[in-house]
Amino acid sequence: MISNKVHNGFTLEERNDELLFAVLSKGG
C-alpha cells in the first residue's frame, strides 16, 4: 500500500513498523 501511494506521487512523512501505520502527504 505504501509503495503504491509513493508511486502515485505521495511522500512518506512517518512510518511505524511496530504498529503498522504510515502518514503520507501530497503537495498541491
PDB file of all heavy atoms in Angstrom:
ATOM      1  N   MET A   1       0.830  -1.208   0.000  1.00  0.00           N
ATOM      2  CA  MET A   1       0.000   0.000   0.000  1.00  0.00           C
ATOM      3  C   MET A   1       0.861   1.253   0.000  1.00  0.00           C
ATOM      4  O   MET A   1       0.589   2.205  -0.729  1.00  0.00           O
ATOM      5  CB  MET A   1      -0.927   0.011   1.217  1.00  0.00           C
ATOM      6  CG  MET A   1      -2.097  -0.931   1.111  1.00  0.00           C
ATOM      7  SD  MET A   1      -3.164  -0.859   2.548  1.00  0.00           S
ATOM      8  CE  MET A   1      -3.876   0.763   2.363  1.00  0.00           C
ATOM      9  N   ILE A   2       1.908   1.253   0.807  1.00  0.00           N
ATOM     10  CA  ILE A   2       2.798   2.420   0.874  1.00  0.00           C
ATOM     11  C   ILE A   2       3.521   2.621  -0.453  1.00  0.00           C
ATOM     12  O   ILE A   2       3.606   3.737  -0.963  1.00  0.00           O
ATOM     13  CB  ILE A   2       3.794   2.280   2.032  1.00  0.00           C
ATOM     14  CG1 ILE A   2       3.051   2.372   3.356  1.00  0.00           C
ATOM     15  CG2 ILE A   2       4.878   3.342   1.958  1.00  0.00           C
ATOM     16  CD1 ILE A   2       3.911   2.145   4.565  1.00  0.00           C
ATOM     17  N   SER A   3       4.016   1.548  -1.045  1.00  0.00           N
ATOM     18  CA  SER A   3       4.735   1.697  -2.316  1.00  0.00           C
ATOM     19  C   SER A   3       3.801   2.173  -3.432  1.00  0.00           C
ATOM     20  O   SER A   3       4.218   2.959  -4.285  1.00  0.00           O
ATOM     21  CB  SER A   3       5.417   0.397  -2.704  1.00  0.00           C
ATOM     22  OG  SER A   3       4.466  -0.613  -2.940  1.00  0.00           O
ATOM     23  N   ASN A   4       2.542   1.739  -3.419  1.00  0.00           N
ATOM     24  CA  ASN A   4       1.583   2.230  -4.414  1.00  0.00           C
ATOM     25  C   ASN A   4       1.321   3.724  -4.243  1.00  0.00           C
ATOM     26  O   ASN A   4       1.219   4.458  -5.222  1.00  0.00           O
ATOM     27  CB  ASN A   4       0.270   1.457  -4.327  1.00  0.00           C
ATOM     28  CG  ASN A   4       0.385   0.049  -4.854  1.00  0.00           C
ATOM     29  OD1 ASN A   4       1.278  -0.265  -5.623  1.00  0.00           O
ATOM     30  ND2 ASN A   4      -0.505  -0.816  -4.409  1.00  0.00           N
ATOM     31  N   LYS A   5       1.186   4.170  -2.988  1.00  0.00           N
ATOM     32  CA  LYS A   5       0.954   5.594  -2.731  1.00  0.00           C
ATOM     33  C   LYS A   5       2.163   6.428  -3.147  1.00  0.00           C
ATOM     34  O   LYS A   5       2.018   7.495  -3.737  1.00  0.00           O
ATOM     35  CB  LYS A   5       0.648   5.839  -1.245  1.00  0.00           C
ATOM     36  CG  LYS A   5      -0.695   5.328  -0.823  1.00  0.00           C
ATOM     37  CD  LYS A   5      -1.763   6.190  -1.427  1.00  0.00           C
ATOM     38  CE  LYS A   5      -3.135   5.761  -0.989  1.00  0.00           C
ATOM     39  NZ  LYS A   5      -4.193   6.448  -1.684  1.00  0.00           N
ATOM     40  N   VAL A   6       3.365   5.957  -2.845  1.00  0.00           N
ATOM     41  CA  VAL A   6       4.582   6.686  -3.231  1.00  0.00           C
ATOM     42  C   VAL A   6       4.686   6.731  -4.751  1.00  0.00           C
ATOM     43  O   VAL A   6       5.068   7.757  -5.322  1.00  0.00           O
ATOM     44  CB  VAL A   6       5.825   6.039  -2.580  1.00  0.00           C
ATOM     45  CG1 VAL A   6       7.106   6.585  -3.166  1.00  0.00           C
ATOM     46  CG2 VAL A   6       5.793   6.250  -1.076  1.00  0.00           C
ATOM     47  N   HIS A   7       4.310   5.654  -5.402  1.00  0.00           N
ATOM     48  CA  HIS A   7       4.331   5.616  -6.870  1.00  0.00           C
ATOM     49  C   HIS A   7       3.336   6.621  -7.461  1.00  0.00           C
ATOM     50  O   HIS A   7       3.565   7.163  -8.544  1.00  0.00           O
ATOM     51  CB  HIS A   7       4.014   4.204  -7.368  1.00  0.00           C
ATOM     52  CG  HIS A   7       4.029   4.055  -8.846  1.00  0.00           C
ATOM     53  ND1 HIS A   7       5.188   4.119  -9.589  1.00  0.00           N
ATOM     54  CD2 HIS A   7       3.020   3.879  -9.734  1.00  0.00           C
ATOM     55  CE1 HIS A   7       4.898   3.976 -10.866  1.00  0.00           C
ATOM     56  NE2 HIS A   7       3.585   3.825 -10.986  1.00  0.00           N
ATOM     57  N   ASN A   8       2.235   6.900  -6.739  1.00  0.00           N
ATOM     58  CA  ASN A   8       1.219   7.859  -7.201  1.00  0.00           C
ATOM     59  C   ASN A   8       1.531   9.296  -6.810  1.00  0.00           C
ATOM     60  O   ASN A   8       0.683  10.167  -6.975  1.00  0.00           O
ATOM     61  CB  ASN A   8      -0.162   7.467  -6.672  1.00  0.00           C
ATOM     62  CG  ASN A   8      -0.694   6.226  -7.330  1.00  0.00           C
ATOM     63  OD1 ASN A   8      -0.333   5.908  -8.454  1.00  0.00           O
ATOM     64  ND2 ASN A   8      -1.541   5.506  -6.623  1.00  0.00           N
ATOM     65  N   GLY A   9       2.712   9.570  -6.291  1.00  0.00           N
ATOM     66  CA  GLY A   9       3.129  10.942  -6.035  1.00  0.00           C
ATOM     67  C   GLY A   9       3.120  11.371  -4.582  1.00  0.00           C
ATOM     68  O   GLY A   9       3.455  12.510  -4.277  1.00  0.00           O
ATOM     69  N   PHE A  10       2.756  10.501  -3.651  1.00  0.00           N
ATOM     70  CA  PHE A  10       2.788  10.850  -2.237  1.00  0.00           C
ATOM     71  C   PHE A  10       4.206  10.725  -1.704  1.00  0.00           C
ATOM     72  O   PHE A  10       5.010   9.959  -2.227  1.00  0.00           O
ATOM     73  CB  PHE A  10       1.865   9.919  -1.438  1.00  0.00           C
ATOM     74  CG  PHE A  10       0.409  10.233  -1.567  1.00  0.00           C
ATOM     75  CD1 PHE A  10      -0.345   9.708  -2.601  1.00  0.00           C
ATOM     76  CD2 PHE A  10      -0.220  11.062  -0.660  1.00  0.00           C
ATOM     77  CE1 PHE A  10      -1.688   9.985  -2.727  1.00  0.00           C
ATOM     78  CE2 PHE A  10      -1.563  11.352  -0.772  1.00  0.00           C
ATOM     79  CZ  PHE A  10      -2.299  10.816  -1.806  1.00  0.00           C
ATOM     80  N   THR A  11       4.506  11.480  -0.648  1.00  0.00           N
ATOM     81  CA  THR A  11       5.785  11.344   0.034  1.00  0.00           C
ATOM     82  C   THR A  11       5.537  10.801   1.429  1.00  0.00           C
ATOM     83  O   THR A  11       4.562  11.162   2.086  1.00  0.00           O
ATOM     84  CB  THR A  11       6.531  12.690   0.133  1.00  0.00           C
ATOM     85  OG1 THR A  11       5.702  13.628   0.804  1.00  0.00           O
ATOM     86  CG2 THR A  11       6.898  13.203  -1.233  1.00  0.00           C
ATOM     87  N   LEU A  12       6.423   9.950   1.881  1.00  0.00           N
ATOM     88  CA  LEU A  12       6.295   9.309   3.187  1.00  0.00           C
ATOM     89  C   LEU A  12       6.786  10.263   4.264  1.00  0.00           C
ATOM     90  O   LEU A  12       7.944  10.670   4.264  1.00  0.00           O
ATOM     91  CB  LEU A  12       7.097   8.009   3.205  1.00  0.00           C
ATOM     92  CG  LEU A  12       6.998   7.148   4.436  1.00  0.00           C
ATOM     93  CD1 LEU A  12       5.573   6.651   4.620  1.00  0.00           C
ATOM     94  CD2 LEU A  12       7.948   5.978   4.330  1.00  0.00           C
ATOM     95  N   GLU A  13       5.903  10.652   5.174  1.00  0.00           N
ATOM     96  CA  GLU A  13       6.269  11.553   6.258  1.00  0.00           C
ATOM     97  C   GLU A  13       6.648  10.798   7.520  1.00  0.00           C
ATOM     98  O   GLU A  13       7.569  11.187   8.220  1.00  0.00           O
ATOM     99  CB  GLU A  13       5.122  12.519   6.570  1.00  0.00           C
ATOM    100  CG  GLU A  13       4.943  13.589   5.543  1.00  0.00           C
ATOM    101  CD  GLU A  13       3.983  14.658   6.000  1.00  0.00           C
ATOM    102  OE1 GLU A  13       3.552  14.645   7.171  1.00  0.00           O
ATOM    103  OE2 GLU A  13       3.657  15.524   5.181  1.00  0.00           O
ATOM    104  N   GLU A  14       5.901   9.746   7.817  1.00  0.00           N
ATOM    105  CA  GLU A  14       6.156   8.984   9.040  1.00  0.00           C
ATOM    106  C   GLU A  14       5.751   7.541   8.805  1.00  0.00           C
ATOM    107  O   GLU A  14       4.738   7.260   8.177  1.00  0.00           O
ATOM    108  CB  GLU A  14       5.337   9.572  10.187  1.00  0.00           C
ATOM    109  CG  GLU A  14       5.560   8.904  11.511  1.00  0.00           C
ATOM    110  CD  GLU A  14       4.743   9.528  12.626  1.00  0.00           C
ATOM    111  OE1 GLU A  14       4.143  10.588  12.417  1.00  0.00           O
ATOM    112  OE2 GLU A  14       4.691   8.923  13.698  1.00  0.00           O
ATOM    113  N   ARG A  15       6.567   6.625   9.343  1.00  0.00           N
ATOM    114  CA  ARG A  15       6.256   5.200   9.217  1.00  0.00           C
ATOM    115  C   ARG A  15       6.610   4.506  10.525  1.00  0.00           C
ATOM    116  O   ARG A  15       7.669   4.729  11.086  1.00  0.00           O
ATOM    117  CB  ARG A  15       7.039   4.575   8.069  1.00  0.00           C
ATOM    118  CG  ARG A  15       6.756   3.101   7.901  1.00  0.00           C
ATOM    119  CD  ARG A  15       7.448   2.517   6.713  1.00  0.00           C
ATOM    120  NE  ARG A  15       7.214   1.073   6.665  1.00  0.00           N
ATOM    121  CZ  ARG A  15       7.340   0.361   5.582  1.00  0.00           C
ATOM    122  NH1 ARG A  15       7.693   0.924   4.451  1.00  0.00           N
ATOM    123  NH2 ARG A  15       7.117  -0.931   5.615  1.00  0.00           N
ATOM    124  N   ASN A  16       5.710   3.669  11.014  1.00  0.00           N
ATOM    125  CA  ASN A  16       5.934   2.907  12.228  1.00  0.00           C
ATOM    126  C   ASN A  16       5.713   1.439  11.890  1.00  0.00           C
ATOM    127  O   ASN A  16       4.591   1.028  11.608  1.00  0.00           O
ATOM    128  CB  ASN A  16       4.973   3.360  13.329  1.00  0.00           C
ATOM    129  CG  ASN A  16       5.273   2.722  14.657  1.00  0.00           C
ATOM    130  OD1 ASN A  16       5.752   1.603  14.728  1.00  0.00           O
ATOM    131  ND2 ASN A  16       4.977   3.446  15.710  1.00  0.00           N
ATOM    132  N   ASP A  17       6.795   0.655  11.930  1.00  0.00           N
ATOM    133  CA  ASP A  17       6.692  -0.756  11.564  1.00  0.00           C
ATOM    134  C   ASP A  17       6.213  -1.626  12.713  1.00  0.00           C
ATOM    135  O   ASP A  17       5.827  -2.768  12.498  1.00  0.00           O
ATOM    136  CB  ASP A  17       8.033  -1.265  11.043  1.00  0.00           C
ATOM    137  CG  ASP A  17       8.319  -0.747   9.650  1.00  0.00           C
ATOM    138  OD1 ASP A  17       7.354  -0.534   8.900  1.00  0.00           O
ATOM    139  OD2 ASP A  17       9.500  -0.546   9.321  1.00  0.00           O
ATOM    140  N   GLU A  18       6.247  -1.115  13.945  1.00  0.00           N
ATOM    141  CA  GLU A  18       5.737  -1.893  15.079  1.00  0.00           C
ATOM    142  C   GLU A  18       4.213  -1.870  15.104  1.00  0.00           C
ATOM    143  O   GLU A  18       3.567  -2.899  15.271  1.00  0.00           O
ATOM    144  CB  GLU A  18       6.279  -1.346  16.390  1.00  0.00           C
ATOM    145  CG  GLU A  18       7.746  -1.628  16.614  1.00  0.00           C
ATOM    146  CD  GLU A  18       8.227  -1.071  17.930  1.00  0.00           C
ATOM    147  OE1 GLU A  18       7.380  -0.761  18.794  1.00  0.00           O
ATOM    148  OE2 GLU A  18       9.445  -0.950  18.094  1.00  0.00           O
ATOM    149  N   LEU A  19       3.624  -0.686  14.959  1.00  0.00           N
ATOM    150  CA  LEU A  19       2.164  -0.551  14.982  1.00  0.00           C
ATOM    151  C   LEU A  19       1.552  -0.583  13.586  1.00  0.00           C
ATOM    152  O   LEU A  19       0.336  -0.517  13.448  1.00  0.00           O
ATOM    153  CB  LEU A  19       1.779   0.756  15.678  1.00  0.00           C
ATOM    154  CG  LEU A  19       2.225   0.876  17.129  1.00  0.00           C
ATOM    155  CD1 LEU A  19       1.882   2.253  17.673  1.00  0.00           C
ATOM    156  CD2 LEU A  19       1.590  -0.206  17.982  1.00  0.00           C
ATOM    157  N   LEU A  20       2.373  -0.662  12.573  1.00  0.00           N
ATOM    158  CA  LEU A  20       1.970  -0.731  11.170  1.00  0.00           C
ATOM    159  C   LEU A  20       1.040   0.406  10.764  1.00  0.00           C
ATOM    160  O   LEU A  20      -0.123   0.219  10.417  1.00  0.00           O
ATOM    161  CB  LEU A  20       1.328  -2.086  10.858  1.00  0.00           C
ATOM    162  CG  LEU A  20       2.250  -3.288  10.952  1.00  0.00           C
ATOM    163  CD1 LEU A  20       1.481  -4.556  10.655  1.00  0.00           C
ATOM    164  CD2 LEU A  20       3.428  -3.159  10.021  1.00  0.00           C
ATOM    165  N   PHE A  21       1.583   1.627  10.825  1.00  0.00           N
ATOM    166  CA  PHE A  21       0.869   2.769  10.270  1.00  0.00           C
ATOM    167  C   PHE A  21       1.877   3.696   9.618  1.00  0.00           C
ATOM    168  O   PHE A  21       3.057   3.690   9.950  1.00  0.00           O
ATOM    169  CB  PHE A  21       0.042   3.520  11.324  1.00  0.00           C
ATOM    170  CG  PHE A  21       0.828   4.405  12.237  1.00  0.00           C
ATOM    171  CD1 PHE A  21       1.087   5.720  11.893  1.00  0.00           C
ATOM    172  CD2 PHE A  21       1.314   3.934  13.438  1.00  0.00           C
ATOM    173  CE1 PHE A  21       1.814   6.542  12.716  1.00  0.00           C
ATOM    174  CE2 PHE A  21       2.034   4.744  14.274  1.00  0.00           C
ATOM    175  CZ  PHE A  21       2.291   6.049  13.919  1.00  0.00           C
ATOM    176  N   ALA A  22       1.395   4.489   8.677  1.00  0.00           N
ATOM    177  CA  ALA A  22       2.236   5.452   7.980  1.00  0.00           C
ATOM    178  C   ALA A  22       1.390   6.657   7.589  1.00  0.00           C
ATOM    179  O   ALA A  22       0.200   6.532   7.335  1.00  0.00           O
ATOM    180  CB  ALA A  22       2.855   4.837   6.734  1.00  0.00           C
ATOM    181  N   VAL A  23       2.038   7.815   7.587  1.00  0.00           N
ATOM    182  CA  VAL A  23       1.391   9.055   7.155  1.00  0.00           C
ATOM    183  C   VAL A  23       2.092   9.511   5.890  1.00  0.00           C
ATOM    184  O   VAL A  23       3.310   9.656   5.856  1.00  0.00           O
ATOM    185  CB  VAL A  23       1.467  10.143   8.249  1.00  0.00           C
ATOM    186  CG1 VAL A  23       0.843  11.434   7.750  1.00  0.00           C
ATOM    187  CG2 VAL A  23       0.797   9.670   9.520  1.00  0.00           C
ATOM    188  N   LEU A  24       1.300   9.709   4.840  1.00  0.00           N
ATOM    189  CA  LEU A  24       1.831  10.152   3.557  1.00  0.00           C
ATOM    190  C   LEU A  24       1.182  11.467   3.174  1.00  0.00           C
ATOM    191  O   LEU A  24       0.038  11.723   3.543  1.00  0.00           O
ATOM    192  CB  LEU A  24       1.552   9.108   2.479  1.00  0.00           C
ATOM    193  CG  LEU A  24       2.192   7.748   2.714  1.00  0.00           C
ATOM    194  CD1 LEU A  24       1.133   6.747   3.070  1.00  0.00           C
ATOM    195  CD2 LEU A  24       2.949   7.310   1.503  1.00  0.00           C
ATOM    196  N   SER A  25       1.917  12.306   2.460  1.00  0.00           N
ATOM    197  CA  SER A  25       1.356  13.591   2.044  1.00  0.00           C
ATOM    198  C   SER A  25       1.648  13.827   0.567  1.00  0.00           C
ATOM    199  O   SER A  25       2.583  13.270  -0.003  1.00  0.00           O
ATOM    200  CB  SER A  25       1.941  14.729   2.877  1.00  0.00           C
ATOM    201  OG  SER A  25       3.308  14.892   2.600  1.00  0.00           O
ATOM    202  N   LYS A  26       0.801  14.670  -0.002  1.00  0.00           N
ATOM    203  CA  LYS A  26       0.949  15.038  -1.408  1.00  0.00           C
ATOM    204  C   LYS A  26       0.710  16.529  -1.507  1.00  0.00           C
ATOM    205  O   LYS A  26      -0.345  17.016  -1.094  1.00  0.00           O
ATOM    206  CB  LYS A  26      -0.070  14.270  -2.245  1.00  0.00           C
ATOM    207  CG  LYS A  26       0.110  14.378  -3.730  1.00  0.00           C
ATOM    208  CD  LYS A  26      -0.900  13.471  -4.420  1.00  0.00           C
ATOM    209  CE  LYS A  26      -0.591  13.326  -5.883  1.00  0.00           C
ATOM    210  NZ  LYS A  26      -1.542  12.430  -6.542  1.00  0.00           N
ATOM    211  N   GLY A  27       1.678  17.250  -1.998  1.00  0.00           N
ATOM    212  CA  GLY A  27       1.569  18.694  -2.105  1.00  0.00           C
ATOM    213  C   GLY A  27       0.554  19.120  -3.144  1.00  0.00           C
ATOM    214  O   GLY A  27       0.105  18.337  -3.982  1.00  0.00           O
ATOM    215  N   GLY A  28       0.180  20.376  -3.060  1.00  0.00           N
ATOM    216  CA  GLY A  28      -0.795  20.916  -4.004  1.00  0.00           C
ATOM    217  C   GLY A  28      -0.229  21.034  -5.405  1.00  0.00           C
ATOM    218  O   GLY A  28       0.979  21.120  -5.616  1.00  0.00           O
TER     219      GLY A  28
END
